[in-house]
Protein backbone atom coordinates (compact mmCIF):
# COMPACT_ATOMS: atom_id res chain seq x y z
CA MET A 1 -0.04 0.04 0.11
CA ASP A 2 1.62 3.58 -0.91
CA GLU A 3 2.04 5.96 1.71
CA TYR A 4 -0.38 9.16 1.88
CA ARG A 5 1.21 12.03 0.27
CA PRO A 6 -0.72 15.22 0.34
CA PRO A 7 -1.01 17.63 -2.26
CA ARG A 8 1.96 19.79 -3.22
CA SER A 9 0.09 22.89 -2.43
CA LEU A 10 -0.72 21.47 1.28
CA ALA A 11 2.95 20.09 1.19
CA SER A 12 4.63 23.72 1.50
CA ILE A 13 2.53 24.73 4.50
CA PRO A 14 4.14 24.21 7.56
CA PRO A 15 2.02 22.72 10.32
CA VAL A 16 1.34 25.47 13.14
CA ILE A 17 -0.19 24.36 16.81
CA TYR A 18 -1.75 27.32 18.55
CA CYS A 19 -1.38 27.40 22.72
CA VAL A 20 -4.27 29.47 23.56
CA VAL A 21 -4.42 31.19 26.72
CA PRO A 22 -7.34 33.25 28.31
CA GLU A 23 -7.08 36.22 29.20
CA PRO A 24 -7.92 35.60 32.91
CA LEU A 25 -4.78 33.18 33.20
CA GLU A 26 -2.26 35.24 30.98
CA GLY A 27 -0.03 35.96 34.27
CA GLU A 28 -0.52 32.69 35.22
CA LEU A 29 0.56 30.56 32.41
CA TYR A 30 1.57 32.37 29.37
CA GLU A 31 5.17 32.65 30.55
CA ARG A 32 5.69 29.16 31.47
CA LEU A 33 4.17 27.71 28.26
CA ALA A 34 6.03 30.50 26.21
CA LYS A 35 9.27 29.10 27.83
CA TYR A 36 8.01 25.25 27.81
CA TYR A 37 7.58 25.50 23.95
CA GLU A 38 10.46 27.98 22.86
CA ASP A 39 12.43 25.00 21.08
CA ASP A 40 9.14 23.72 19.38
CA PRO A 41 9.01 25.94 16.01
CA ASN A 42 5.93 24.54 15.24
CA VAL A 43 4.36 25.71 18.63
CA THR A 44 2.86 29.56 19.06
CA VAL A 45 1.39 30.33 22.28
CA ILE A 46 -1.35 33.16 22.07
CA VAL A 47 -3.48 35.15 24.48
CA ASP A 48 -7.08 35.18 23.60
CA ARG A 49 -8.66 38.78 23.84
CA ARG A 50 -12.09 38.46 22.72
CA LYS A 51 -14.12 40.41 24.91
CA GLN A 52 -17.54 38.43 23.14
CA GLU A 53 -18.51 35.66 20.87
CA ARG A 54 -18.27 36.86 17.17
CA ARG A 55 -21.68 34.39 16.12
CA GLU A 56 -24.04 35.64 18.34
CA ALA A 57 -27.88 33.88 17.64
CA GLY A 58 -29.37 36.08 14.93
CA GLY A 59 -26.41 37.82 13.87
CA GLY A 60 -25.23 37.20 10.32
CA GLY A 61 -25.11 40.86 9.03
CA GLY A 62 -28.55 42.04 10.02
CA MET A 63 -30.23 41.97 6.40
CA ARG A 64 -29.89 38.32 5.64
CA GLU A 65 -32.48 36.77 3.80
CA VAL A 66 -33.41 32.77 3.98
CA ARG A 67 -34.93 31.55 0.97
CA ASP A 68 -35.94 28.52 -0.78
CA ARG A 69 -32.51 27.62 -3.43
CA ARG A 70 -34.52 25.28 -5.40
CA ARG A 71 -35.41 26.16 -9.08
CA PRO A 72 -38.77 28.08 -9.15
CA ARG A 73 -41.31 25.48 -11.12
CA VAL A 74 -42.67 26.80 -14.68
CA THR A 75 -45.71 28.64 -14.40
CA GLY A 76 -48.89 27.45 -16.68
CA ASP A 77 -50.32 23.72 -16.98
CA PHE A 78 -49.10 21.54 -18.88
CA ALA A 79 -50.69 19.96 -21.92
CA PRO A 80 -52.92 16.69 -21.70
CA LEU A 81 -50.96 13.29 -22.04
CA GLY A 82 -52.44 11.31 -25.18
CA SER A 83 -54.27 8.62 -22.86
CA ASP A 84 -55.99 11.93 -21.15
CA ALA A 85 -57.49 13.30 -24.61
CA SER A 86 -60.96 11.70 -25.09
């Protein structure tokens, strides 16, 4: 069995791992984690400074229109079938 190889475009992107520290724990954890991972170039330690969720219920940009995406039906009536004609 052949070994899996990602597409060439993905193979050139180095893997990155984000170690996310919540802002309330920044003083306690950030320095320790940054020092722990300083020798690993694939790990980046970051502090989450978001104040609120970006995706709230009822969000979506305000003027979002929910609609039926199916093709509309042809208006009018169909011609009678041969067996329906009297």
